[in-house]
Protein backbone atom coordinates (compact mmCIF):
# COMPACT_ATOMS: atom_id res chain seq x y z
CA UNK A 1 -0.40 -13.50 -17.66
CA UNK A 2 2.49 -13.28 -15.15
CA UNK A 3 0.27 -13.04 -12.00
CA UNK A 4 1.86 -9.79 -10.80
CA UNK A 5 -0.05 -6.77 -9.54
CA UNK A 6 0.99 -3.47 -11.14
CA UNK A 7 0.58 0.01 -9.69
CA UNK A 8 1.49 3.33 -11.25
CA UNK A 9 2.50 6.19 -8.95
CA UNK A 10 0.02 9.04 -9.03
CA UNK A 11 0.51 11.94 -6.61
CA UNK A 12 -3.12 13.03 -6.95
CA UNK A 13 -4.42 9.67 -5.74
CA UNK A 14 -3.21 9.02 -2.20
CA UNK A 15 -4.16 5.42 -1.48
CA UNK A 16 -2.57 2.47 0.24
CA UNK A 17 -3.42 -1.15 -0.45
CA UNK A 18 -3.56 -4.66 0.96
CA UNK A 19 -2.65 -7.06 -1.85
CA UNK A 20 -3.52 -10.76 -1.61
CA UNK A 21 -0.68 -12.97 -2.82
CA UNK A 22 -3.15 -15.81 -3.42
CA UNK A 23 -6.06 -14.44 -5.45
CA UNK A 24 -4.44 -11.05 -6.29
CA UNK A 25 -7.41 -9.09 -4.91
CA UNK A 26 -6.58 -5.56 -3.83
CA UNK A 27 -8.23 -3.74 -0.92
CA UNK A 28 -7.72 -0.05 -0.18
CA UNK A 29 -6.59 0.99 3.30
CA UNK A 30 -8.84 3.90 4.23
CA UNK A 31 -6.46 5.96 6.38
CA UNK A 32 -2.83 6.88 5.87
CA UNK A 33 -0.63 5.25 8.52
CA UNK A 34 2.42 7.26 7.38
CA UNK A 35 1.14 10.84 7.59
CA UNK A 36 2.85 11.71 10.90
CA UNK A 37 6.06 9.95 9.87
CA UNK A 38 6.12 11.82 6.55
CA UNK A 39 5.74 15.14 8.38
CA UNK A 40 8.54 14.22 10.81
CA UNK A 41 10.83 13.30 7.89
CA UNK A 42 10.19 16.66 6.28
CA UNK A 43 11.29 18.43 9.46
CA UNK A 44 14.24 16.17 10.30
CA UNK A 45 15.65 15.76 6.79
CA UNK A 46 14.70 19.19 5.41
CA UNK A 47 12.85 17.56 2.49
CA UNK A 48 9.69 18.66 0.75
CA UNK A 49 7.91 15.34 0.43
CA UNK A 50 5.52 15.06 -2.51
CA UNK A 51 4.04 11.70 -1.64
CA UNK A 52 4.66 8.07 -0.81
CA UNK A 53 3.35 4.62 -1.60
CA UNK A 54 2.56 1.73 0.73
CA UNK A 55 1.41 -1.70 -0.37
CA UNK A 56 1.10 -4.52 2.16
CA UNK A 57 1.20 -8.11 0.89
CA UNK A 58 -0.36 -11.15 2.50
CA UNK A 59 -3.28 -13.56 2.21
CA UNK A 60 -6.94 -12.55 2.41
CA UNK A 61 -9.37 -14.46 4.68
CA UNK A 62 -10.74 -16.50 1.75
CA UNK A 63 -7.27 -17.63 0.64
CA UNK A 64 -6.29 -18.44 4.24
CA UNK A 65 -9.40 -20.61 4.57
CA UNK A 66 -8.66 -22.32 1.24
CA UNK A 67 -5.19 -23.35 2.50
CA UNK A 68 -6.61 -25.16 5.58
């Protein structure tokens, strides 16, 4: 009832999402835009990176049209 999206971190599921702030619909991003950056961080910072999470928030086309 509080209109918030909730995600639980799961290393086995490597997905990134677009989240609509209007209707709360979630759309998966098919490719990982951070893969090269993650590899560079491992080298530069001497870390073993186990994963990351990226959610991008905005308004879907339907919600943008509704606001006009």
